[in-house]
Amino acid sequence: MSESVLKPNSIWNIPNILTLMRIAAIPLMVFLLMTGEKEPCFWASALFSVASFTDWLDGYLARKMGIVTVFGKFLDPIADKLIVMAALIMITPLGRVPAWMVLVILGREIIITGLRGIASSEGIVIAASDLGKFKTIFQIVAIIALLLHYDYPWLFSSSNPLFLVNMHNVGMFYLWIAFIITVWSGVDYLFKFIKIIAR
């Protein structure tokens, strides 16, 4: 590998590579969810979990190593939205989540992304609220559980097979929380945007 590729501020740094790996994992996750069967869904959930961890890890490493790049800032949120969208879209025809709920969640992401683009082009800075962080956390937990979907022994231990947890119900519980926060944070951002441009 050439010396220029190894420069800290090159797009080929560890955080950006982790982000690209997250995007590369999407087709494999989609493939695993094609049948909706228990074992492939388990591995799809595991893959989504690892990808979600790299979302935190690449941001942490970028700040720790001082290699926050424009490419990373652009690609990281896109990777996050792509893998969430892919998971939700794939489990919708499996009957694991209502289509209208997925439509609202994805619609919110598209609208807010568009508003952020407009704000950025006009030099407008809108402070991010903690609602977005909570939304992401609950979304990730919900999707992991919805991908698992089936009944599993408590703590995934076979020592007490009589105590089963329905992961679909767990996922829907957290998805409803994520849905409320998603709408709430979207409306909050929209009002902030309108308030600033109306000055």
Protein backbone atom coordinates (compact mmCIF):
# COMPACT_ATOMS: atom_id res chain seq x y z
CA MET A 1 0.00 0.00 0.00
CA SER A 2 1.41 3.40 -0.93
CA GLU A 3 2.50 5.93 1.65
CA SER A 4 -0.27 8.37 0.62
CA VAL A 5 -2.91 5.78 1.43
CA LEU A 6 -1.56 5.48 4.96
CA LYS A 7 -1.74 9.19 5.76
CA PRO A 8 -3.97 9.82 8.81
CA ASN A 9 -6.19 12.29 6.94
CA SER A 10 -6.60 10.05 3.93
CA ILE A 11 -10.05 8.58 3.34
CA TRP A 12 -8.38 5.19 3.89
CA ASN A 13 -8.17 5.41 7.65
CA ILE A 14 -9.51 2.95 10.23
CA PRO A 15 -12.77 4.81 11.04
CA ASN A 16 -13.68 5.18 7.35
CA ILE A 17 -12.80 1.56 6.63
CA LEU A 18 -15.11 0.48 9.45
CA THR A 19 -17.87 2.62 7.94
CA LEU A 20 -17.31 1.07 4.51
CA MET A 21 -17.39 -2.40 6.08
CA ARG A 22 -20.76 -1.51 7.62
CA ILE A 23 -22.10 -0.67 4.17
CA ALA A 24 -20.56 -3.84 2.72
CA ALA A 25 -22.38 -5.89 5.37
CA ILE A 26 -25.80 -4.77 4.10
CA PRO A 27 -26.07 -7.19 1.12
CA LEU A 28 -25.10 -10.13 3.36
CA MET A 29 -27.70 -9.11 5.94
CA VAL A 30 -30.34 -8.80 3.21
CA PHE A 31 -29.43 -12.25 1.90
CA LEU A 32 -29.73 -13.79 5.37
CA LEU A 33 -33.21 -12.29 5.77
CA MET A 34 -34.55 -13.58 2.47
CA THR A 35 -36.20 -16.70 3.92
CA GLY A 36 -37.14 -15.42 7.37
CA GLU A 37 -36.02 -18.69 8.95
CA LYS A 38 -34.68 -18.77 12.48
CA GLU A 39 -30.99 -19.56 11.97
CA PRO A 40 -30.32 -17.09 9.11
CA CYS A 41 -32.25 -14.43 11.04
CA PHE A 42 -30.08 -15.07 14.09
CA TRP A 43 -26.94 -14.45 12.03
CA ALA A 44 -28.53 -11.39 10.41
CA SER A 45 -29.18 -10.04 13.91
CA ALA A 46 -25.59 -10.79 14.94
CA LEU A 47 -24.30 -9.01 11.83
CA PHE A 48 -26.51 -6.00 12.51
CA SER A 49 -25.28 -5.94 16.13
CA VAL A 50 -21.62 -5.91 15.05
CA ALA A 51 -22.35 -3.23 12.45
CA SER A 52 -24.08 -1.11 15.09
CA PHE A 53 -21.07 -1.47 17.37
CA THR A 54 -18.75 -0.28 14.59
CA ASP A 55 -20.96 2.82 14.28
CA TRP A 56 -19.89 3.82 17.79
CA LEU A 57 -16.35 2.53 17.33
CA ASP A 58 -15.53 4.46 14.14
CA GLY A 59 -16.72 7.72 15.70
CA TYR A 60 -14.72 7.06 18.85
CA LEU A 61 -11.56 6.21 16.90
CA ALA A 62 -11.95 9.22 14.60
CA ARG A 63 -12.05 11.56 17.60
CA LYS A 64 -9.36 9.69 19.56
CA MET A 65 -6.97 9.56 16.61
CA GLY A 66 -7.78 13.08 15.41
CA ILE A 67 -8.75 11.91 11.93
CA VAL A 68 -12.24 13.33 11.48
CA THR A 69 -12.52 13.74 7.71
CA VAL A 70 -15.12 15.30 5.42
CA PHE A 71 -15.53 11.90 3.74
CA GLY A 72 -16.20 10.28 7.11
CA LYS A 73 -18.70 12.94 8.14
CA PHE A 74 -20.55 12.38 4.88
CA LEU A 75 -20.42 8.59 4.79
CA ASP A 76 -21.02 7.68 8.45
CA PRO A 77 -24.64 8.90 8.75
CA ILE A 78 -25.44 7.44 5.32
CA ALA A 79 -24.13 4.04 6.39
CA ASP A 80 -26.22 4.19 9.56
CA LYS A 81 -29.41 5.04 7.69
CA LEU A 82 -28.78 2.46 4.95
CA ILE A 83 -28.39 -0.49 7.31
CA VAL A 84 -31.42 0.54 9.41
CA MET A 85 -33.53 1.05 6.28
CA ALA A 86 -32.39 -2.27 4.82
CA ALA A 87 -33.28 -4.16 8.01
CA LEU A 88 -36.71 -2.54 8.35
CA ILE A 89 -37.57 -2.99 4.68
CA MET A 90 -36.55 -6.66 4.73
CA ILE A 91 -38.62 -7.55 7.81
CA THR A 92 -41.73 -5.67 6.63
CA PRO A 93 -42.88 -8.34 4.12
CA LEU A 94 -42.13 -10.96 6.78
CA GLY A 95 -44.93 -9.37 8.83
CA ARG A 96 -42.65 -8.37 11.69
CA VAL A 97 -43.32 -4.65 11.59
CA PRO A 98 -46.24 -2.56 10.21
CA ALA A 99 -45.49 -1.03 6.82
CA TRP A 100 -46.96 2.34 7.86
CA MET A 101 -44.55 2.53 10.80
CA VAL A 102 -41.58 1.84 8.53
CA LEU A 103 -42.85 4.50 6.10
CA VAL A 104 -43.01 7.12 8.86
CA ILE A 105 -39.55 6.23 10.20
CA LEU A 106 -37.91 6.30 6.76
CA GLY A 107 -39.86 9.41 5.74
CA ARG A 108 -38.62 11.22 8.83
CA GLU A 109 -35.01 10.30 8.02
CA ILE A 110 -35.33 11.55 4.43
CA ILE A 111 -36.98 14.82 5.47
CA ILE A 112 -34.50 15.61 8.24
CA THR A 113 -31.54 14.70 6.02
CA GLY A 114 -32.90 17.09 3.39
CA LEU A 115 -33.36 19.88 5.94
CA ARG A 116 -29.84 19.34 7.27
CA GLY A 117 -28.51 19.64 3.72
CA ILE A 118 -30.37 22.92 3.19
CA ALA A 119 -29.23 24.26 6.56
CA SER A 120 -25.62 23.33 5.84
CA SER A 121 -25.67 24.96 2.39
CA GLU A 122 -26.95 28.19 3.98
CA GLY A 123 -24.38 28.09 6.77
CA ILE A 124 -27.07 27.43 9.36
CA VAL A 125 -26.06 25.41 12.42
CA ILE A 126 -28.88 23.64 14.27
CA ALA A 127 -27.74 22.07 17.51
CA ALA A 128 -28.48 18.35 17.73
CA SER A 129 -30.60 17.27 20.67
CA ASP A 130 -30.20 14.16 22.79
CA LEU A 131 -33.44 12.87 21.27
CA GLY A 132 -31.51 11.68 18.22
CA LYS A 133 -29.18 9.60 20.39
CA PHE A 134 -32.08 8.00 22.26
CA LYS A 135 -33.85 7.33 18.96
CA THR A 136 -30.80 5.52 17.61
CA ILE A 137 -30.33 3.41 20.76
CA PHE A 138 -33.95 2.26 20.87
CA GLN A 139 -34.01 1.64 17.11
CA ILE A 140 -30.95 -0.58 17.31
CA VAL A 141 -32.30 -2.60 20.24
CA ALA A 142 -35.69 -2.95 18.53
CA ILE A 143 -34.24 -4.07 15.19
CA ILE A 144 -31.89 -6.60 16.80
CA ALA A 145 -34.87 -8.17 18.61
CA LEU A 146 -37.11 -8.04 15.52
CA LEU A 147 -34.44 -9.74 13.44
CA LEU A 148 -34.25 -12.52 16.03
CA HIS A 149 -38.09 -12.63 16.05
CA TYR A 150 -38.53 -16.16 17.36
CA ASP A 151 -38.78 -17.55 20.90
CA TYR A 152 -35.44 -17.91 22.64
CA PRO A 153 -34.54 -19.29 26.09
CA TRP A 154 -33.88 -16.58 28.66
CA LEU A 155 -30.37 -15.16 28.17
CA PHE A 156 -30.03 -17.59 25.22
CA SER A 157 -29.31 -20.42 27.65
CA SER A 158 -30.73 -23.88 27.07
CA SER A 159 -30.53 -24.73 30.77
CA ASN A 160 -34.09 -23.51 31.30
CA PRO A 161 -35.93 -24.09 28.01
CA LEU A 162 -39.32 -23.64 29.68
CA PHE A 163 -38.66 -19.92 30.14
CA LEU A 164 -38.84 -18.60 26.59
CA VAL A 165 -38.77 -14.97 25.52
CA ASN A 166 -40.60 -13.94 22.35
CA MET A 167 -38.11 -11.61 20.69
CA HIS A 168 -40.74 -10.21 18.35
CA ASN A 169 -42.71 -8.81 21.29
CA VAL A 170 -39.53 -7.41 22.80
CA GLY A 171 -38.66 -5.79 19.48
CA MET A 172 -42.10 -4.22 19.03
CA PHE A 173 -42.00 -2.82 22.56
CA TYR A 174 -38.73 -1.00 21.87
CA LEU A 175 -39.77 -0.08 18.32
CA TRP A 176 -42.81 1.77 19.66
CA ILE A 177 -40.54 3.75 21.97
CA ALA A 178 -38.16 4.42 19.07
CA PHE A 179 -41.10 5.42 16.86
CA ILE A 180 -42.37 7.99 19.37
CA ILE A 181 -38.90 9.47 19.81
CA THR A 182 -38.37 9.42 16.03
CA VAL A 183 -41.48 11.52 15.42
CA TRP A 184 -40.77 13.74 18.43
CA SER A 185 -37.17 14.45 17.39
CA GLY A 186 -38.25 15.05 13.79
CA VAL A 187 -40.87 17.61 14.80
CA ASP A 188 -38.37 19.21 17.21
CA TYR A 189 -35.78 19.61 14.43
CA LEU A 190 -38.40 20.93 12.01
CA PHE A 191 -39.53 23.63 14.45
CA LYS A 192 -35.91 24.62 15.14
CA PHE A 193 -35.30 24.86 11.38
CA ILE A 194 -38.43 26.98 10.78
CA LYS A 195 -37.62 29.23 13.74
CA ILE A 196 -34.12 29.95 12.41
CA ILE A 197 -35.06 30.60 8.77
CA ALA A 198 -38.03 32.77 9.83
CA ARG A 199 -35.75 35.31 11.52
